[in-house]
Amino acid sequence: MLDNNTTKAIIKQHLPRFLSRPQIGMAQCMGPSTVAKFSNGLIIEDALRKIDAALKVVLR
């Protein structure tokens, strides 16, 4: 998802600091739900729902 500018913008909108994290390289091949499991609670369920909804609109 981070290779696509549109999906990357959606993630940046809902998780603004996510893309600047040093661990971003490890997250390249993971979906938001998987990354959230490793975030120690920094990525909350509400943000995941918003990202999911936005991705569904864009990826139709």
PDB file of N, CA and C in Angstrom:
ATOM      1  N   MET A   1       0.811  -1.199   0.000  1.00  0.00           N
ATOM      2  CA  MET A   1       0.000   0.000   0.000  1.00  0.00           C
ATOM      3  C   MET A   1       0.854   1.261   0.000  1.00  0.00           C
ATOM      4  N   LEU A   2       2.058   1.158   0.502  1.00  0.00           N
ATOM      5  CA  LEU A   2       2.903   2.345   0.567  1.00  0.00           C
ATOM      6  C   LEU A   2       3.562   2.663  -0.767  1.00  0.00           C
ATOM      7  N   ASP A   3       3.468   1.755  -1.720  1.00  0.00           N
ATOM      8  CA  ASP A   3       4.011   2.008  -3.058  1.00  0.00           C
ATOM      9  C   ASP A   3       3.039   2.792  -3.932  1.00  0.00           C
ATOM     10  N   ASN A   4       1.802   2.889  -3.504  1.00  0.00           N
ATOM     11  CA  ASN A   4       0.756   3.577  -4.253  1.00  0.00           C
ATOM     12  C   ASN A   4       0.512   4.944  -3.610  1.00  0.00           C
ATOM     13  N   ASN A   5       0.653   6.016  -4.372  1.00  0.00           N
ATOM     14  CA  ASN A   5       0.513   7.367  -3.812  1.00  0.00           C
ATOM     15  C   ASN A   5      -0.860   7.633  -3.220  1.00  0.00           C
ATOM     16  N   THR A   6      -1.900   7.073  -3.817  1.00  0.00           N
ATOM     17  CA  THR A   6      -3.259   7.299  -3.322  1.00  0.00           C
ATOM     18  C   THR A   6      -3.466   6.621  -1.979  1.00  0.00           C
ATOM     19  N   THR A   7      -3.093   5.363  -1.881  1.00  0.00           N
ATOM     20  CA  THR A   7      -3.278   4.656  -0.613  1.00  0.00           C
ATOM     21  C   THR A   7      -2.327   5.189   0.457  1.00  0.00           C
ATOM     22  N   LYS A   8      -1.156   5.602   0.045  1.00  0.00           N
ATOM     23  CA  LYS A   8      -0.199   6.196   0.980  1.00  0.00           C
ATOM     24  C   LYS A   8      -0.763   7.498   1.558  1.00  0.00           C
ATOM     25  N   ALA A   9      -1.428   8.288   0.735  1.00  0.00           N
ATOM     26  CA  ALA A   9      -2.039   9.542   1.198  1.00  0.00           C
ATOM     27  C   ALA A   9      -3.148   9.270   2.211  1.00  0.00           C
ATOM     28  N   ILE A  10      -3.901   8.201   2.003  1.00  0.00           N
ATOM     29  CA  ILE A  10      -4.961   7.840   2.951  1.00  0.00           C
ATOM     30  C   ILE A  10      -4.350   7.479   4.301  1.00  0.00           C
ATOM     31  N   ILE A  11      -3.300   6.695   4.275  1.00  0.00           N
ATOM     32  CA  ILE A  11      -2.638   6.325   5.525  1.00  0.00           C
ATOM     33  C   ILE A  11      -2.077   7.562   6.213  1.00  0.00           C
ATOM     34  N   LYS A  12      -1.452   8.439   5.445  1.00  0.00           N
ATOM     35  CA  LYS A  12      -0.884   9.664   6.014  1.00  0.00           C
ATOM     36  C   LYS A  12      -1.967  10.548   6.626  1.00  0.00           C
ATOM     37  N   GLN A  13      -3.130  10.579   6.013  1.00  0.00           N
ATOM     38  CA  GLN A  13      -4.238  11.390   6.525  1.00  0.00           C
ATOM     39  C   GLN A  13      -4.686  10.905   7.906  1.00  0.00           C
ATOM     40  N   HIS A  14      -4.761   9.606   8.091  1.00  0.00           N
ATOM     41  CA  HIS A  14      -5.288   9.054   9.334  1.00  0.00           C
ATOM     42  C   HIS A  14      -4.214   8.717  10.365  1.00  0.00           C
ATOM     43  N   LEU A  15      -2.996   8.528   9.909  1.00  0.00           N
ATOM     44  CA  LEU A  15      -1.867   8.221  10.793  1.00  0.00           C
ATOM     45  C   LEU A  15      -0.677   9.083  10.370  1.00  0.00           C
ATOM     46  N   PRO A  16      -0.747  10.388  10.619  1.00  0.00           N
ATOM     47  CA  PRO A  16       0.244  11.322  10.078  1.00  0.00           C
ATOM     48  C   PRO A  16       1.700  11.000  10.427  1.00  0.00           C
ATOM     49  N   ARG A  17       1.973  10.488  11.596  1.00  0.00           N
ATOM     50  CA  ARG A  17       3.365  10.220  11.981  1.00  0.00           C
ATOM     51  C   ARG A  17       3.851   8.836  11.556  1.00  0.00           C
ATOM     52  N   PHE A  18       2.953   8.010  11.083  1.00  0.00           N
ATOM     53  CA  PHE A  18       3.288   6.631  10.739  1.00  0.00           C
ATOM     54  C   PHE A  18       4.391   6.547   9.688  1.00  0.00           C
ATOM     55  N   LEU A  19       4.301   7.345   8.656  1.00  0.00           N
ATOM     56  CA  LEU A  19       5.246   7.252   7.542  1.00  0.00           C
ATOM     57  C   LEU A  19       6.648   7.730   7.894  1.00  0.00           C
ATOM     58  N   SER A  20       6.794   8.452   8.990  1.00  0.00           N
ATOM     59  CA  SER A  20       8.119   8.942   9.378  1.00  0.00           C
ATOM     60  C   SER A  20       8.791   8.047  10.425  1.00  0.00           C
ATOM     61  N   ARG A  21       8.139   6.958  10.808  1.00  0.00           N
ATOM     62  CA  ARG A  21       8.700   6.040  11.798  1.00  0.00           C
ATOM     63  C   ARG A  21       9.873   5.265  11.193  1.00  0.00           C
ATOM     64  N   PRO A  22      10.924   5.025  11.985  1.00  0.00           N
ATOM     65  CA  PRO A  22      12.076   4.296  11.466  1.00  0.00           C
ATOM     66  C   PRO A  22      11.753   2.854  11.053  1.00  0.00           C
ATOM     67  N   GLN A  23      10.703   2.283  11.619  1.00  0.00           N
ATOM     68  CA  GLN A  23      10.339   0.899  11.322  1.00  0.00           C
ATOM     69  C   GLN A  23       9.485   0.771  10.062  1.00  0.00           C
ATOM     70  N   ILE A  24       9.294   1.843   9.335  1.00  0.00           N
ATOM     71  CA  ILE A  24       8.400   1.835   8.178  1.00  0.00           C
ATOM     72  C   ILE A  24       8.811   0.775   7.151  1.00  0.00           C
ATOM     73  N   GLY A  25      10.087   0.501   7.033  1.00  0.00           N
ATOM     74  CA  GLY A  25      10.555  -0.506   6.086  1.00  0.00           C
ATOM     75  C   GLY A  25       9.982  -1.883   6.366  1.00  0.00           C
ATOM     76  N   MET A  26       9.844  -2.214   7.642  1.00  0.00           N
ATOM     77  CA  MET A  26       9.288  -3.514   8.012  1.00  0.00           C
ATOM     78  C   MET A  26       7.793  -3.585   7.717  1.00  0.00           C
ATOM     79  N   ALA A  27       7.133  -2.443   7.674  1.00  0.00           N
ATOM     80  CA  ALA A  27       5.681  -2.405   7.475  1.00  0.00           C
ATOM     81  C   ALA A  27       5.286  -2.391   6.003  1.00  0.00           C
ATOM     82  N   GLN A  28       6.249  -2.269   5.117  1.00  0.00           N
ATOM     83  CA  GLN A  28       5.966  -2.154   3.682  1.00  0.00           C
ATOM     84  C   GLN A  28       5.060  -3.265   3.158  1.00  0.00           C
ATOM     85  N   CYS A  29       5.263  -4.483   3.631  1.00  0.00           N
ATOM     86  CA  CYS A  29       4.514  -5.612   3.080  1.00  0.00           C
ATOM     87  C   CYS A  29       3.329  -6.024   3.951  1.00  0.00           C
ATOM     88  N   MET A  30       3.006  -5.227   4.958  1.00  0.00           N
ATOM     89  CA  MET A  30       1.913  -5.561   5.872  1.00  0.00           C
ATOM     90  C   MET A  30       0.721  -4.642   5.655  1.00  0.00           C
ATOM     91  N   GLY A  31      -0.444  -5.155   5.944  1.00  0.00           N
ATOM     92  CA  GLY A  31      -1.644  -4.337   5.930  1.00  0.00           C
ATOM     93  C   GLY A  31      -1.772  -3.575   7.239  1.00  0.00           C
ATOM     94  N   PRO A  32      -2.636  -2.561   7.294  1.00  0.00           N
ATOM     95  CA  PRO A  32      -2.792  -1.754   8.503  1.00  0.00           C
ATOM     96  C   PRO A  32      -3.137  -2.562   9.751  1.00  0.00           C
ATOM     97  N   SER A  33      -3.974  -3.575   9.639  1.00  0.00           N
ATOM     98  CA  SER A  33      -4.358  -4.381  10.803  1.00  0.00           C
ATOM     99  C   SER A  33      -3.160  -5.118  11.386  1.00  0.00           C
ATOM    100  N   THR A  34      -2.312  -5.620  10.517  1.00  0.00           N
ATOM    101  CA  THR A  34      -1.117  -6.331  10.976  1.00  0.00           C
ATOM    102  C   THR A  34      -0.149  -5.368  11.635  1.00  0.00           C
ATOM    103  N   VAL A  35       0.056  -4.221  11.030  1.00  0.00           N
ATOM    104  CA  VAL A  35       0.953  -3.215  11.601  1.00  0.00           C
ATOM    105  C   VAL A  35       0.444  -2.776  12.973  1.00  0.00           C
ATOM    106  N   ALA A  36      -0.863  -2.633  13.113  1.00  0.00           N
ATOM    107  CA  ALA A  36      -1.456  -2.201  14.384  1.00  0.00           C
ATOM    108  C   ALA A  36      -1.101  -3.154  15.517  1.00  0.00           C
ATOM    109  N   LYS A  37      -1.000  -4.435  15.227  1.00  0.00           N
ATOM    110  CA  LYS A  37      -0.664  -5.422  16.257  1.00  0.00           C
ATOM    111  C   LYS A  37       0.719  -5.183  16.843  1.00  0.00           C
ATOM    112  N   PHE A  38       1.602  -4.581  16.076  1.00  0.00           N
ATOM    113  CA  PHE A  38       2.965  -4.315  16.522  1.00  0.00           C
ATOM    114  C   PHE A  38       3.165  -2.874  17.000  1.00  0.00           C
ATOM    115  N   SER A  39       2.088  -2.100  17.070  1.00  0.00           N
ATOM    116  CA  SER A  39       2.220  -0.668  17.354  1.00  0.00           C
ATOM    117  C   SER A  39       2.123  -0.308  18.834  1.00  0.00           C
ATOM    118  N   ASN A  40       1.997  -1.293  19.695  1.00  0.00           N
ATOM    119  CA  ASN A  40       1.859  -1.026  21.137  1.00  0.00           C
ATOM    120  C   ASN A  40       0.725  -0.061  21.433  1.00  0.00           C
ATOM    121  N   GLY A  41      -0.365  -0.202  20.707  1.00  0.00           N
ATOM    122  CA  GLY A  41      -1.544   0.620  20.959  1.00  0.00           C
ATOM    123  C   GLY A  41      -1.542   1.985  20.301  1.00  0.00           C
ATOM    124  N   LEU A  42      -0.515   2.310  19.535  1.00  0.00           N
ATOM    125  CA  LEU A  42      -0.446   3.621  18.887  1.00  0.00           C
ATOM    126  C   LEU A  42      -1.413   3.737  17.715  1.00  0.00           C
ATOM    127  N   ILE A  43      -1.705   2.619  17.074  1.00  0.00           N
ATOM    128  CA  ILE A  43      -2.676   2.616  15.979  1.00  0.00           C
ATOM    129  C   ILE A  43      -3.971   2.053  16.545  1.00  0.00           C
ATOM    130  N   ILE A  44      -4.955   2.918  16.667  1.00  0.00           N
ATOM    131  CA  ILE A  44      -6.199   2.515  17.318  1.00  0.00           C
ATOM    132  C   ILE A  44      -7.227   2.010  16.306  1.00  0.00           C
ATOM    133  N   GLU A  45      -8.191   1.281  16.808  1.00  0.00           N
ATOM    134  CA  GLU A  45      -9.219   0.661  15.970  1.00  0.00           C
ATOM    135  C   GLU A  45      -9.987   1.692  15.143  1.00  0.00           C
ATOM    136  N   ASP A  46     -10.243   2.858  15.711  1.00  0.00           N
ATOM    137  CA  ASP A  46     -10.975   3.904  14.987  1.00  0.00           C
ATOM    138  C   ASP A  46     -10.218   4.329  13.732  1.00  0.00           C
ATOM    139  N   ALA A  47      -8.917   4.499  13.852  1.00  0.00           N
ATOM    140  CA  ALA A  47      -8.102   4.871  12.686  1.00  0.00           C
ATOM    141  C   ALA A  47      -8.134   3.767  11.637  1.00  0.00           C
ATOM    142  N   LEU A  48      -8.088   2.515  12.078  1.00  0.00           N
ATOM    143  CA  LEU A  48      -8.144   1.397  11.132  1.00  0.00           C
ATOM    144  C   LEU A  48      -9.465   1.367  10.380  1.00  0.00           C
ATOM    145  N   ARG A  49     -10.561   1.639  11.084  1.00  0.00           N
ATOM    146  CA  ARG A  49     -11.875   1.664  10.425  1.00  0.00           C
ATOM    147  C   ARG A  49     -11.937   2.769   9.375  1.00  0.00           C
ATOM    148  N   LYS A  50     -11.400   3.937   9.709  1.00  0.00           N
ATOM    149  CA  LYS A  50     -11.407   5.061   8.769  1.00  0.00           C
ATOM    150  C   LYS A  50     -10.536   4.767   7.547  1.00  0.00           C
ATOM    151  N   ILE A  51      -9.393   4.170   7.770  1.00  0.00           N
ATOM    152  CA  ILE A  51      -8.510   3.803   6.660  1.00  0.00           C
ATOM    153  C   ILE A  51      -9.196   2.775   5.775  1.00  0.00           C
ATOM    154  N   ASP A  52      -9.796   1.775   6.393  1.00  0.00           N
ATOM    155  CA  ASP A  52     -10.490   0.730   5.637  1.00  0.00           C
ATOM    156  C   ASP A  52     -11.609   1.314   4.784  1.00  0.00           C
ATOM    157  N   ALA A  53     -12.396   2.208   5.365  1.00  0.00           N
ATOM    158  CA  ALA A  53     -13.503   2.824   4.620  1.00  0.00           C
ATOM    159  C   ALA A  53     -12.983   3.642   3.441  1.00  0.00           C
ATOM    160  N   ALA A  54     -11.929   4.418   3.666  1.00  0.00           N
ATOM    161  CA  ALA A  54     -11.366   5.240   2.592  1.00  0.00           C
ATOM    162  C   ALA A  54     -10.767   4.370   1.489  1.00  0.00           C
ATOM    163  N   LEU A  55     -10.106   3.289   1.861  1.00  0.00           N
ATOM    164  CA  LEU A  55      -9.518   2.393   0.864  1.00  0.00           C
ATOM    165  C   LEU A  55     -10.595   1.713   0.025  1.00  0.00           C
ATOM    166  N   LYS A  56     -11.697   1.356   0.647  1.00  0.00           N
ATOM    167  CA  LYS A  56     -12.793   0.721  -0.100  1.00  0.00           C
ATOM    168  C   LYS A  56     -13.350   1.654  -1.165  1.00  0.00           C
ATOM    169  N   VAL A  57     -13.413   2.940  -0.858  1.00  0.00           N
ATOM    170  CA  VAL A  57     -13.909   3.921  -1.833  1.00  0.00           C
ATOM    171  C   VAL A  57     -12.920   4.060  -2.989  1.00  0.00           C
ATOM    172  N   VAL A  58     -11.659   4.178  -2.670  1.00  0.00           N
ATOM    173  CA  VAL A  58     -10.622   4.414  -3.675  1.00  0.00           C
ATOM    174  C   VAL A  58     -10.358   3.181  -4.540  1.00  0.00           C
ATOM    175  N   LEU A  59     -10.413   2.015  -3.941  1.00  0.00           N
ATOM    176  CA  LEU A  59     -10.032   0.794  -4.656  1.00  0.00           C
ATOM    177  C   LEU A  59     -11.204   0.074  -5.313  1.00  0.00           C
ATOM    178  N   ARG A  60     -12.301   0.738  -5.492  1.00  0.00           N
ATOM    179  CA  ARG A  60     -13.462   0.130  -6.159  1.00  0.00           C
ATOM    180  C   ARG A  60     -13.153  -0.229  -7.568  1.00  0.00           C
TER     181      ARG A  60
END
